[in-house]
Amino acid sequence: PKERIFYRYIDVYMNAAIIGFIYGEKEEIDKDSEYKD
């Protein structure tokens, strides 16, 4: 908990929508990276 930048996943989700729109960052669903699972 002391390392958290955001308290909850929903906080990340909501802020990411705004940040992504402001900076014009859009991405497809990741299916190929090392983190795909």
Full PDB file with SEQRES, HELIX, SHEET, SSBOND, CRYST1, ORIGX, SCALE, CONECT and MASTER records, all heavy atoms in Angstrom:
SEQRES   1 A   37  PRO LYS GLU ARG ILE PHE TYR ARG TYR ILE ASP VAL TYR          
SEQRES   2 A   37  MET ASN ALA ALA ILE ILE GLY PHE ILE TYR GLY GLU LYS          
SEQRES   3 A   37  GLU GLU ILE ASP LYS ASP SER GLU TYR LYS ASP                  
HELIX    1 AA1 TYR A    9  ILE A   22  1                                  14    
CRYST1    1.000    1.000    1.000  90.00  90.00  90.00 P 1           1          
ORIGX1      1.000000  0.000000  0.000000        0.00000                         
ORIGX2      0.000000  1.000000  0.000000        0.00000                         
ORIGX3      0.000000  0.000000  1.000000        0.00000                         
SCALE1      1.000000  0.000000  0.000000        0.00000                         
SCALE2      0.000000  1.000000  0.000000        0.00000                         
SCALE3      0.000000  0.000000  1.000000        0.00000                         
ATOM      1  N   PRO A   1       0.799  -1.236   0.000  1.00  0.00           N  
ATOM      2  CA  PRO A   1       0.000   0.000   0.000  1.00  0.00           C  
ATOM      3  C   PRO A   1       0.831   1.286   0.000  1.00  0.00           C  
ATOM      4  O   PRO A   1       0.416   2.291  -0.557  1.00  0.00           O  
ATOM      5  CB  PRO A   1      -0.827  -0.107   1.282  1.00  0.00           C  
ATOM      6  CG  PRO A   1      -0.820  -1.549   1.633  1.00  0.00           C  
ATOM      7  CD  PRO A   1       0.449  -2.125   1.081  1.00  0.00           C  
ATOM      8  N   LYS A   2       2.008   1.253   0.610  1.00  0.00           N  
ATOM      9  CA  LYS A   2       2.835   2.461   0.657  1.00  0.00           C  
ATOM     10  C   LYS A   2       3.442   2.798  -0.703  1.00  0.00           C  
ATOM     11  O   LYS A   2       3.863   3.917  -0.924  1.00  0.00           O  
ATOM     12  CB  LYS A   2       3.945   2.296   1.687  1.00  0.00           C  
ATOM     13  CG  LYS A   2       3.428   2.268   3.107  1.00  0.00           C  
ATOM     14  CD  LYS A   2       4.539   2.158   4.103  1.00  0.00           C  
ATOM     15  CE  LYS A   2       3.957   2.116   5.508  1.00  0.00           C  
ATOM     16  NZ  LYS A   2       4.978   1.992   6.529  1.00  0.00           N  
ATOM     17  N   GLU A   3       3.487   1.836  -1.601  1.00  0.00           N  
ATOM     18  CA  GLU A   3       4.069   2.043  -2.923  1.00  0.00           C  
ATOM     19  C   GLU A   3       3.032   2.465  -3.963  1.00  0.00           C  
ATOM     20  O   GLU A   3       3.375   2.705  -5.112  1.00  0.00           O  
ATOM     21  CB  GLU A   3       4.762   0.759  -3.398  1.00  0.00           C  
ATOM     22  CG  GLU A   3       5.965   0.380  -2.566  1.00  0.00           C  
ATOM     23  CD  GLU A   3       7.095   1.377  -2.701  1.00  0.00           C  
ATOM     24  OE1 GLU A   3       7.390   1.816  -3.831  1.00  0.00           O  
ATOM     25  OE2 GLU A   3       7.682   1.732  -1.666  1.00  0.00           O  
ATOM     26  N   ARG A   4       1.793   2.553  -3.572  1.00  0.00           N  
ATOM     27  CA  ARG A   4       0.727   2.859  -4.513  1.00  0.00           C  
ATOM     28  C   ARG A   4       0.803   4.292  -5.012  1.00  0.00           C  
ATOM     29  O   ARG A   4       0.972   5.223  -4.248  1.00  0.00           O  
ATOM     30  CB  ARG A   4      -0.638   2.657  -3.863  1.00  0.00           C  
ATOM     31  CG  ARG A   4      -0.998   1.242  -3.625  1.00  0.00           C  
ATOM     32  CD  ARG A   4      -2.373   1.145  -3.031  1.00  0.00           C  
ATOM     33  NE  ARG A   4      -2.676  -0.245  -2.732  1.00  0.00           N  
ATOM     34  CZ  ARG A   4      -3.658  -0.629  -1.973  1.00  0.00           C  
ATOM     35  NH1 ARG A   4      -4.465   0.263  -1.430  1.00  0.00           N  
ATOM     36  NH2 ARG A   4      -3.870  -1.891  -1.754  1.00  0.00           N  
ATOM     37  N   ILE A   5       0.614   4.423  -6.301  1.00  0.00           N  
ATOM     38  CA  ILE A   5       0.435   5.742  -6.898  1.00  0.00           C  
ATOM     39  C   ILE A   5      -1.067   6.038  -6.920  1.00  0.00           C  
ATOM     40  O   ILE A   5      -1.503   7.139  -6.645  1.00  0.00           O  
ATOM     41  CB  ILE A   5       1.043   5.786  -8.309  1.00  0.00           C  
ATOM     42  CG1 ILE A   5       2.561   5.606  -8.194  1.00  0.00           C  
ATOM     43  CG2 ILE A   5       0.697   7.093  -9.015  1.00  0.00           C  
ATOM     44  CD1 ILE A   5       3.254   5.390  -9.499  1.00  0.00           C  
ATOM     45  N   PHE A   6      -1.843   5.010  -7.232  1.00  0.00           N  
ATOM     46  CA  PHE A   6      -3.299   5.093  -7.200  1.00  0.00           C  
ATOM     47  C   PHE A   6      -3.792   4.095  -6.163  1.00  0.00           C  
ATOM     48  O   PHE A   6      -3.259   3.000  -6.052  1.00  0.00           O  
ATOM     49  CB  PHE A   6      -3.900   4.760  -8.563  1.00  0.00           C  
ATOM     50  CG  PHE A   6      -3.534   5.752  -9.632  1.00  0.00           C  
ATOM     51  CD1 PHE A   6      -2.472   5.510 -10.483  1.00  0.00           C  
ATOM     52  CD2 PHE A   6      -4.246   6.925  -9.778  1.00  0.00           C  
ATOM     53  CE1 PHE A   6      -2.128   6.416 -11.467  1.00  0.00           C  
ATOM     54  CE2 PHE A   6      -3.912   7.840 -10.753  1.00  0.00           C  
ATOM     55  CZ  PHE A   6      -2.842   7.585 -11.601  1.00  0.00           C  
ATOM     56  N   TYR A   7      -4.829   4.467  -5.442  1.00  0.00           N  
ATOM     57  CA  TYR A   7      -5.326   3.618  -4.365  1.00  0.00           C  
ATOM     58  C   TYR A   7      -6.043   2.375  -4.890  1.00  0.00           C  
ATOM     59  O   TYR A   7      -5.908   1.295  -4.343  1.00  0.00           O  
ATOM     60  CB  TYR A   7      -6.245   4.421  -3.443  1.00  0.00           C  
ATOM     61  CG  TYR A   7      -6.688   3.646  -2.240  1.00  0.00           C  
ATOM     62  CD1 TYR A   7      -5.789   3.314  -1.233  1.00  0.00           C  
ATOM     63  CD2 TYR A   7      -7.999   3.215  -2.126  1.00  0.00           C  
ATOM     64  CE1 TYR A   7      -6.188   2.577  -0.131  1.00  0.00           C  
ATOM     65  CE2 TYR A   7      -8.416   2.482  -1.026  1.00  0.00           C  
ATOM     66  CZ  TYR A   7      -7.497   2.169  -0.032  1.00  0.00           C  
ATOM     67  OH  TYR A   7      -7.893   1.427   1.044  1.00  0.00           O  
ATOM     68  N   ARG A   8      -6.829   2.540  -5.992  1.00  0.00           N  
ATOM     69  CA  ARG A   8      -7.626   1.436  -6.515  1.00  0.00           C  
ATOM     70  C   ARG A   8      -7.437   1.323  -8.024  1.00  0.00           C  
ATOM     71  O   ARG A   8      -7.080   2.285  -8.687  1.00  0.00           O  
ATOM     72  CB  ARG A   8      -9.127   1.666  -6.243  1.00  0.00           C  
ATOM     73  CG  ARG A   8      -9.471   1.980  -4.827  1.00  0.00           C  
ATOM     74  CD  ARG A   8     -10.910   2.441  -4.681  1.00  0.00           C  
ATOM     75  NE  ARG A   8     -11.143   3.676  -5.455  1.00  0.00           N  
ATOM     76  CZ  ARG A   8     -12.339   4.193  -5.682  1.00  0.00           C  
ATOM     77  NH1 ARG A   8     -13.414   3.598  -5.235  1.00  0.00           N  
ATOM     78  NH2 ARG A   8     -12.472   5.300  -6.369  1.00  0.00           N  
ATOM     79  N   TYR A   9      -7.740   0.142  -8.548  1.00  0.00           N  
ATOM     80  CA  TYR A   9      -7.686  -0.063  -9.998  1.00  0.00           C  
ATOM     81  C   TYR A   9      -8.643   0.871 -10.724  1.00  0.00           C  
ATOM     82  O   TYR A   9      -8.331   1.369 -11.799  1.00  0.00           O  
ATOM     83  CB  TYR A   9      -8.036  -1.506 -10.364  1.00  0.00           C  
ATOM     84  CG  TYR A   9      -6.997  -2.544  -9.998  1.00  0.00           C  
ATOM     85  CD1 TYR A   9      -7.299  -3.888 -10.090  1.00  0.00           C  
ATOM     86  CD2 TYR A   9      -5.722  -2.202  -9.579  1.00  0.00           C  
ATOM     87  CE1 TYR A   9      -6.362  -4.862  -9.767  1.00  0.00           C  
ATOM     88  CE2 TYR A   9      -4.789  -3.163  -9.247  1.00  0.00           C  
ATOM     89  CZ  TYR A   9      -5.115  -4.498  -9.357  1.00  0.00           C  
ATOM     90  OH  TYR A   9      -4.197  -5.460  -9.042  1.00  0.00           O  
ATOM     91  N   ILE A  10      -9.800   1.120 -10.147  1.00  0.00           N  
ATOM     92  CA  ILE A  10     -10.777   1.994 -10.796  1.00  0.00           C  
ATOM     93  C   ILE A  10     -10.225   3.415 -10.925  1.00  0.00           C  
ATOM     94  O   ILE A  10     -10.515   4.111 -11.897  1.00  0.00           O  
ATOM     95  CB  ILE A  10     -12.147   1.980 -10.064  1.00  0.00           C  
ATOM     96  CG1 ILE A  10     -13.240   2.670 -10.896  1.00  0.00           C  
ATOM     97  CG2 ILE A  10     -12.065   2.637  -8.704  1.00  0.00           C  
ATOM     98  CD1 ILE A  10     -13.751   1.857 -12.027  1.00  0.00           C  
ATOM     99  N   ASP A  11      -9.381   3.820  -9.985  1.00  0.00           N  
ATOM    100  CA  ASP A  11      -8.750   5.142 -10.073  1.00  0.00           C  
ATOM    101  C   ASP A  11      -7.779   5.193 -11.253  1.00  0.00           C  
ATOM    102  O   ASP A  11      -7.710   6.197 -11.964  1.00  0.00           O  
ATOM    103  CB  ASP A  11      -8.020   5.475  -8.769  1.00  0.00           C  
ATOM    104  CG  ASP A  11      -8.953   5.559  -7.575  1.00  0.00           C  
ATOM    105  OD1 ASP A  11     -10.119   5.965  -7.758  1.00  0.00           O  
ATOM    106  OD2 ASP A  11      -8.514   5.207  -6.464  1.00  0.00           O  
ATOM    107  N   VAL A  12      -7.044   4.113 -11.449  1.00  0.00           N  
ATOM    108  CA  VAL A  12      -6.151   4.027 -12.605  1.00  0.00           C  
ATOM    109  C   VAL A  12      -6.977   4.091 -13.882  1.00  0.00           C  
ATOM    110  O   VAL A  12      -6.653   4.851 -14.804  1.00  0.00           O  
ATOM    111  CB  VAL A  12      -5.317   2.718 -12.580  1.00  0.00           C  
ATOM    112  CG1 VAL A  12      -4.457   2.598 -13.836  1.00  0.00           C  
ATOM    113  CG2 VAL A  12      -4.452   2.632 -11.333  1.00  0.00           C  
ATOM    114  N   TYR A  13      -8.048   3.324 -13.934  1.00  0.00           N  
ATOM    115  CA  TYR A  13      -8.901   3.238 -15.124  1.00  0.00           C  
ATOM    116  C   TYR A  13      -9.470   4.610 -15.501  1.00  0.00           C  
ATOM    117  O   TYR A  13      -9.382   5.031 -16.662  1.00  0.00           O  
ATOM    118  CB  TYR A  13     -10.019   2.237 -14.852  1.00  0.00           C  
ATOM    119  CG  TYR A  13     -10.911   1.934 -16.025  1.00  0.00           C  
ATOM    120  CD1 TYR A  13     -10.554   0.975 -16.967  1.00  0.00           C  
ATOM    121  CD2 TYR A  13     -12.134   2.579 -16.181  1.00  0.00           C  
ATOM    122  CE1 TYR A  13     -11.380   0.670 -18.037  1.00  0.00           C  
ATOM    123  CE2 TYR A  13     -12.964   2.278 -17.245  1.00  0.00           C  
ATOM    124  CZ  TYR A  13     -12.589   1.322 -18.168  1.00  0.00           C  
ATOM    125  OH  TYR A  13     -13.405   1.036 -19.216  1.00  0.00           O  
ATOM    126  N   MET A  14     -10.026   5.309 -14.537  1.00  0.00           N  
ATOM    127  CA  MET A  14     -10.645   6.608 -14.826  1.00  0.00           C  
ATOM    128  C   MET A  14      -9.602   7.649 -15.231  1.00  0.00           C  
ATOM    129  O   MET A  14      -9.803   8.390 -16.193  1.00  0.00           O  
ATOM    130  CB  MET A  14     -11.454   7.094 -13.620  1.00  0.00           C  
ATOM    131  CG  MET A  14     -12.704   6.282 -13.370  1.00  0.00           C  
ATOM    132  SD  MET A  14     -13.818   6.945 -12.100  1.00  0.00           S  
ATOM    133  CE  MET A  14     -12.789   6.943 -10.656  1.00  0.00           C  
ATOM    134  N   ASN A  15      -8.507   7.710 -14.494  1.00  0.00           N  
ATOM    135  CA  ASN A  15      -7.461   8.669 -14.837  1.00  0.00           C  
ATOM    136  C   ASN A  15      -6.807   8.345 -16.171  1.00  0.00           C  
ATOM    137  O   ASN A  15      -6.473   9.244 -16.942  1.00  0.00           O  
ATOM    138  CB  ASN A  15      -6.413   8.735 -13.727  1.00  0.00           C  
ATOM    139  CG  ASN A  15      -6.886   9.536 -12.549  1.00  0.00           C  
ATOM    140  OD1 ASN A  15      -6.968  10.751 -12.607  1.00  0.00           O  
ATOM    141  ND2 ASN A  15      -7.239   8.854 -11.475  1.00  0.00           N  
ATOM    142  N   ALA A  16      -6.633   7.069 -16.454  1.00  0.00           N  
ATOM    143  CA  ALA A  16      -6.018   6.662 -17.713  1.00  0.00           C  
ATOM    144  C   ALA A  16      -6.873   7.073 -18.908  1.00  0.00           C  
ATOM    145  O   ALA A  16      -6.335   7.453 -19.952  1.00  0.00           O  
ATOM    146  CB  ALA A  16      -5.781   5.158 -17.719  1.00  0.00           C  
ATOM    147  N   ALA A  17      -8.191   7.000 -18.778  1.00  0.00           N  
ATOM    148  CA  ALA A  17      -9.071   7.429 -19.868  1.00  0.00           C  
ATOM    149  C   ALA A  17      -8.833   8.906 -20.186  1.00  0.00           C  
ATOM    150  O   ALA A  17      -8.702   9.288 -21.356  1.00  0.00           O  
ATOM    151  CB  ALA A  17     -10.529   7.194 -19.495  1.00  0.00           C  
ATOM    152  N   ILE A  18      -8.747   9.715 -19.160  1.00  0.00           N  
ATOM    153  CA  ILE A  18      -8.533  11.157 -19.341  1.00  0.00           C  
ATOM    154  C   ILE A  18      -7.151  11.429 -19.920  1.00  0.00           C  
ATOM    155  O   ILE A  18      -7.005  12.177 -20.890  1.00  0.00           O  
ATOM    156  CB  ILE A  18      -8.727  11.896 -17.999  1.00  0.00           C  
ATOM    157  CG1 ILE A  18     -10.172  11.743 -17.522  1.00  0.00           C  
ATOM    158  CG2 ILE A  18      -8.331  13.369 -18.127  1.00  0.00           C  
ATOM    159  CD1 ILE A  18     -10.391  12.119 -16.065  1.00  0.00           C  
ATOM    160  N   ILE A  19      -6.134  10.808 -19.334  1.00  0.00           N  
ATOM    161  CA  ILE A  19      -4.751  11.007 -19.800  1.00  0.00           C  
ATOM    162  C   ILE A  19      -4.601  10.520 -21.236  1.00  0.00           C  
ATOM    163  O   ILE A  19      -3.983  11.189 -22.070  1.00  0.00           O  
ATOM    164  CB  ILE A  19      -3.751  10.274 -18.866  1.00  0.00           C  
ATOM    165  CG1 ILE A  19      -3.790  10.857 -17.457  1.00  0.00           C  
ATOM    166  CG2 ILE A  19      -2.345  10.274 -19.444  1.00  0.00           C  
ATOM    167  CD1 ILE A  19      -3.284  12.267 -17.334  1.00  0.00           C  
ATOM    168  N   GLY A  20      -5.139   9.349 -21.524  1.00  0.00           N  
ATOM    169  CA  GLY A  20      -5.059   8.819 -22.879  1.00  0.00           C  
ATOM    170  C   GLY A  20      -5.693   9.752 -23.891  1.00  0.00           C  
ATOM    171  O   GLY A  20      -5.145   9.993 -24.967  1.00  0.00           O  
ATOM    172  N   PHE A  21      -6.843  10.313 -23.551  1.00  0.00           N  
ATOM    173  CA  PHE A  21      -7.507  11.243 -24.466  1.00  0.00           C  
ATOM    174  C   PHE A  21      -6.713  12.541 -24.611  1.00  0.00           C  
ATOM    175  O   PHE A  21      -6.498  13.014 -25.726  1.00  0.00           O  
ATOM    176  CB  PHE A  21      -8.934  11.543 -24.012  1.00  0.00           C  
ATOM    177  CG  PHE A  21      -9.631  12.492 -24.932  1.00  0.00           C  
ATOM    178  CD1 PHE A  21     -10.098  12.057 -26.161  1.00  0.00           C  
ATOM    179  CD2 PHE A  21      -9.782  13.824 -24.596  1.00  0.00           C  
ATOM    180  CE1 PHE A  21     -10.713  12.932 -27.038  1.00  0.00           C  
ATOM    181  CE2 PHE A  21     -10.397  14.713 -25.455  1.00  0.00           C  
ATOM    182  CZ  PHE A  21     -10.862  14.260 -26.691  1.00  0.00           C  
ATOM    183  N   ILE A  22      -6.285  13.112 -23.509  1.00  0.00           N  
ATOM    184  CA  ILE A  22      -5.559  14.385 -23.561  1.00  0.00           C  
ATOM    185  C   ILE A  22      -4.299  14.278 -24.412  1.00  0.00           C  
ATOM    186  O   ILE A  22      -4.000  15.152 -25.215  1.00  0.00           O  
ATOM    187  CB  ILE A  22      -5.222  14.880 -22.136  1.00  0.00           C  
ATOM    188  CG1 ILE A  22      -6.493  15.353 -21.439  1.00  0.00           C  
ATOM    189  CG2 ILE A  22      -4.169  15.987 -22.161  1.00  0.00           C  
ATOM    190  CD1 ILE A  22      -6.311  15.685 -19.974  1.00  0.00           C  
ATOM    191  N   TYR A  23      -3.563  13.179 -24.247  1.00  0.00           N  
ATOM    192  CA  TYR A  23      -2.304  13.014 -24.969  1.00  0.00           C  
ATOM    193  C   TYR A  23      -2.462  12.252 -26.287  1.00  0.00           C  
ATOM    194  O   TYR A  23      -1.475  11.981 -26.966  1.00  0.00           O  
ATOM    195  CB  TYR A  23      -1.262  12.337 -24.067  1.00  0.00           C  
ATOM    196  CG  TYR A  23      -0.790  13.269 -22.981  1.00  0.00           C  
ATOM    197  CD1 TYR A  23      -1.280  13.156 -21.684  1.00  0.00           C  
ATOM    198  CD2 TYR A  23       0.114  14.288 -23.248  1.00  0.00           C  
ATOM    199  CE1 TYR A  23      -0.869  14.027 -20.687  1.00  0.00           C  
ATOM    200  CE2 TYR A  23       0.533  15.161 -22.262  1.00  0.00           C  
ATOM    201  CZ  TYR A  23       0.028  15.020 -20.982  1.00  0.00           C  
ATOM    202  OH  TYR A  23       0.442  15.890 -20.001  1.00  0.00           O  
ATOM    203  N   GLY A  24      -3.699  11.910 -26.634  1.00  0.00           N  
ATOM    204  CA  GLY A  24      -3.940  11.228 -27.898  1.00  0.00           C  
ATOM    205  C   GLY A  24      -3.343   9.834 -27.952  1.00  0.00           C  
ATOM    206  O   GLY A  24      -2.977   9.359 -29.027  1.00  0.00           O  
ATOM    207  N   GLU A  25      -3.271   9.185 -26.812  1.00  0.00           N  
ATOM    208  CA  GLU A  25      -2.687   7.848 -26.731  1.00  0.00           C  
ATOM    209  C   GLU A  25      -3.791   6.801 -26.776  1.00  0.00           C  
ATOM    210  O   GLU A  25      -4.620   6.730 -25.881  1.00  0.00           O  
ATOM    211  CB  GLU A  25      -1.888   7.686 -25.436  1.00  0.00           C  
ATOM    212  CG  GLU A  25      -0.726   8.649 -25.292  1.00  0.00           C  
ATOM    213  CD  GLU A  25       0.418   8.323 -26.233  1.00  0.00           C  
ATOM    214  OE1 GLU A  25       0.600   7.151 -26.597  1.00  0.00           O  
ATOM    215  OE2 GLU A  25       1.145   9.266 -26.603  1.00  0.00           O  
ATOM    216  N   LYS A  26      -3.803   6.005 -27.838  1.00  0.00           N  
ATOM    217  CA  LYS A  26      -4.750   4.905 -27.955  1.00  0.00           C  
ATOM    218  C   LYS A  26      -3.951   3.638 -28.238  1.00  0.00           C  
ATOM    219  O   LYS A  26      -2.944   3.678 -28.938  1.00  0.00           O  
ATOM    220  CB  LYS A  26      -5.736   5.124 -29.099  1.00  0.00           C  
ATOM    221  CG  LYS A  26      -6.657   6.300 -28.893  1.00  0.00           C  
ATOM    222  CD  LYS A  26      -7.821   6.343 -29.857  1.00  0.00           C  
ATOM    223  CE  LYS A  26      -7.432   6.330 -31.297  1.00  0.00           C  
ATOM    224  NZ  LYS A  26      -8.566   6.596 -32.199  1.00  0.00           N  
ATOM    225  N   GLU A  27      -4.404   2.525 -27.665  1.00  0.00           N  
ATOM    226  CA  GLU A  27      -3.726   1.254 -27.900  1.00  0.00           C  
ATOM    227  C   GLU A  27      -4.739   0.139 -28.060  1.00  0.00           C  
ATOM    228  O   GLU A  27      -5.828   0.175 -27.492  1.00  0.00           O  
ATOM    229  CB  GLU A  27      -2.781   0.912 -26.738  1.00  0.00           C  
ATOM    230  CG  GLU A  27      -1.565   1.794 -26.681  1.00  0.00           C  
ATOM    231  CD  GLU A  27      -0.533   1.317 -25.671  1.00  0.00           C  
ATOM    232  OE1 GLU A  27      -0.676   0.213 -25.111  1.00  0.00           O  
ATOM    233  OE2 GLU A  27       0.421   2.075 -25.444  1.00  0.00           O  
ATOM    234  N   GLU A  28      -4.338  -0.859 -28.825  1.00  0.00           N  
ATOM    235  CA  GLU A  28      -5.133  -2.067 -29.008  1.00  0.00           C  
ATOM    236  C   GLU A  28      -4.940  -2.986 -27.804  1.00  0.00           C  
ATOM    237  O   GLU A  28      -4.009  -2.809 -27.013  1.00  0.00           O  
ATOM    238  CB  GLU A  28      -4.694  -2.803 -30.280  1.00  0.00           C  
ATOM    239  CG  GLU A  28      -4.895  -1.998 -31.555  1.00  0.00           C  
ATOM    240  CD  GLU A  28      -6.357  -1.730 -31.856  1.00  0.00           C  
ATOM    241  OE1 GLU A  28      -7.186  -2.631 -31.620  1.00  0.00           O  
ATOM    242  OE2 GLU A  28      -6.669  -0.618 -32.320  1.00  0.00           O  
ATOM    243  N   ILE A  29      -5.780  -3.999 -27.706  1.00  0.00           N  
ATOM    244  CA  ILE A  29      -5.634  -5.010 -26.658  1.00  0.00           C  
ATOM    245  C   ILE A  29      -4.315  -5.738 -26.884  1.00  0.00           C  
ATOM    246  O   ILE A  29      -3.995  -6.135 -28.006  1.00  0.00           O  
ATOM    247  CB  ILE A  29      -6.818  -5.996 -26.687  1.00  0.00           C  
ATOM    248  CG1 ILE A  29      -8.117  -5.269 -26.358  1.00  0.00           C  
ATOM    249  CG2 ILE A  29      -6.586  -7.162 -25.736  1.00  0.00           C  
ATOM    250  CD1 ILE A  29      -9.366  -6.095 -26.562  1.00  0.00           C  
ATOM    251  N   ASP A  30      -3.546  -5.908 -25.818  1.00  0.00           N  
ATOM    252  CA  ASP A  30      -2.245  -6.561 -25.898  1.00  0.00           C  
ATOM    253  C   ASP A  30      -2.429  -8.077 -25.922  1.00  0.00           C  
ATOM    254  O   ASP A  30      -2.961  -8.656 -24.981  1.00  0.00           O  
ATOM    255  CB  ASP A  30      -1.390  -6.146 -24.696  1.00  0.00           C  
ATOM    256  CG  ASP A  30      -0.074  -6.893 -24.647  1.00  0.00           C  
ATOM    257  OD1 ASP A  30       0.522  -7.096 -25.714  1.00  0.00           O  
ATOM    258  OD2 ASP A  30       0.344  -7.262 -23.538  1.00  0.00           O  
ATOM    259  N   LYS A  31      -1.947  -8.699 -27.003  1.00  0.00           N  
ATOM    260  CA  LYS A  31      -2.037 -10.153 -27.129  1.00  0.00           C  
ATOM    261  C   LYS A  31      -0.680 -10.805 -27.338  1.00  0.00           C  
ATOM    262  O   LYS A  31      -0.591 -12.026 -27.368  1.00  0.00           O  
ATOM    263  CB  LYS A  31      -2.952 -10.513 -28.298  1.00  0.00           C  
ATOM    264  CG  LYS A  31      -4.381 -10.061 -28.113  1.00  0.00           C  
ATOM    265  CD  LYS A  31      -5.224 -10.374 -29.317  1.00  0.00           C  
ATOM    266  CE  LYS A  31      -6.635  -9.838 -29.111  1.00  0.00           C  
ATOM    267  NZ  LYS A  31      -7.448  -9.974 -30.303  1.00  0.00           N  
ATOM    268  N   ASP A  32       0.365  -9.982 -27.487  1.00  0.00           N  
ATOM    269  CA  ASP A  32       1.653 -10.537 -27.895  1.00  0.00           C  
ATOM    270  C   ASP A  32       2.812 -10.264 -26.947  1.00  0.00           C  
ATOM    271  O   ASP A  32       3.880 -10.835 -27.138  1.00  0.00           O  
ATOM    272  CB  ASP A  32       2.028  -9.988 -29.274  1.00  0.00           C  
ATOM    273  CG  ASP A  32       1.009 -10.356 -30.334  1.00  0.00           C  
ATOM    274  OD1 ASP A  32       0.485 -11.481 -30.270  1.00  0.00           O  
ATOM    275  OD2 ASP A  32       0.736  -9.519 -31.208  1.00  0.00           O  
ATOM    276  N   SER A  33       2.656  -9.416 -25.966  1.00  0.00           N  
ATOM    277  CA  SER A  33       3.799  -9.059 -25.125  1.00  0.00           C  
ATOM    278  C   SER A  33       4.117 -10.178 -24.138  1.00  0.00           C  
ATOM    279  O   SER A  33       3.390 -11.170 -24.023  1.00  0.00           O  
ATOM    280  CB  SER A  33       3.526  -7.763 -24.357  1.00  0.00           C  
ATOM    281  OG  SER A  33       2.656  -8.002 -23.282  1.00  0.00           O  
ATOM    282  N   GLU A  34       5.185  -9.972 -23.413  1.00  0.00           N  
ATOM    283  CA  GLU A  34       5.569 -10.955 -22.396  1.00  0.00           C  
ATOM    284  C   GLU A  34       4.539 -11.042 -21.269  1.00  0.00           C  
ATOM    285  O   GLU A  34       4.534 -11.999 -20.509  1.00  0.00           O  
ATOM    286  CB  GLU A  34       6.939 -10.600 -21.824  1.00  0.00           C  
ATOM    287  CG  GLU A  34       6.963  -9.240 -21.122  1.00  0.00           C  
ATOM    288  CD  GLU A  34       8.342  -8.832 -20.680  1.00  0.00           C  
ATOM    289  OE1 GLU A  34       8.906  -9.492 -19.780  1.00  0.00           O  
ATOM    290  OE2 GLU A  34       8.854  -7.853 -21.249  1.00  0.00           O  
ATOM    291  N   TYR A  35       3.666 -10.054 -21.154  1.00  0.00           N  
ATOM    292  CA  TYR A  35       2.647 -10.016 -20.104  1.00  0.00           C  
ATOM    293  C   TYR A  35       1.274 -10.462 -20.610  1.00  0.00           C  
ATOM    294  O   TYR A  35       0.272 -10.218 -19.955  1.00  0.00           O  
ATOM    295  CB  TYR A  35       2.524  -8.603 -19.528  1.00  0.00           C  
ATOM    296  CG  TYR A  35       3.821  -8.022 -19.052  1.00  0.00           C  
ATOM    297  CD1 TYR A  35       4.388  -6.933 -19.684  1.00  0.00           C  
ATOM    298  CD2 TYR A  35       4.488  -8.578 -17.965  1.00  0.00           C  
ATOM    299  CE1 TYR A  35       5.587  -6.397 -19.235  1.00  0.00           C  
ATOM    300  CE2 TYR A  35       5.687  -8.048 -17.515  1.00  0.00           C  
ATOM    301  CZ  TYR A  35       6.231  -6.956 -18.162  1.00  0.00           C  
ATOM    302  OH  TYR A  35       7.411  -6.436 -17.719  1.00  0.00           O  
ATOM    303  N   LYS A  36       1.214 -11.114 -21.759  1.00  0.00           N  
ATOM    304  CA  LYS A  36      -0.069 -11.434 -22.396  1.00  0.00           C  
ATOM    305  C   LYS A  36      -1.011 -12.267 -21.526  1.00  0.00           C  
ATOM    306  O   LYS A  36      -2.222 -12.247 -21.738  1.00  0.00           O  
ATOM    307  CB  LYS A  36       0.149 -12.125 -23.733  1.00  0.00           C  
ATOM    308  CG  LYS A  36       0.809 -13.469 -23.629  1.00  0.00           C  
ATOM    309  CD  LYS A  36       1.070 -14.048 -24.988  1.00  0.00           C  
ATOM    310  CE  LYS A  36       1.851 -15.350 -24.815  1.00  0.00           C  
ATOM    311  NZ  LYS A  36       2.521 -15.730 -26.014  1.00  0.00           N  
ATOM    312  N   ASP A  37      -0.503 -12.960 -20.531  1.00  0.00           N  
ATOM    313  CA  ASP A  37      -1.349 -13.787 -19.666  1.00  0.00           C  
ATOM    314  C   ASP A  37      -1.806 -13.074 -18.389  1.00  0.00           C  
ATOM    315  O   ASP A  37      -2.548 -13.658 -17.603  1.00  0.00           O  
ATOM    316  CB  ASP A  37      -0.620 -15.084 -19.293  1.00  0.00           C  
ATOM    317  CG  ASP A  37      -0.335 -15.939 -20.517  1.00  0.00           C  
ATOM    318  OD1 ASP A  37      -1.158 -15.918 -21.455  1.00  0.00           O  
ATOM    319  OD2 ASP A  37       0.709 -16.615 -20.545  1.00  0.00           O  
TER     320      ASP A  37                                                      
MASTER        0    0    0    1    0    0    0    6  319    1    0    3          
END                                                                             
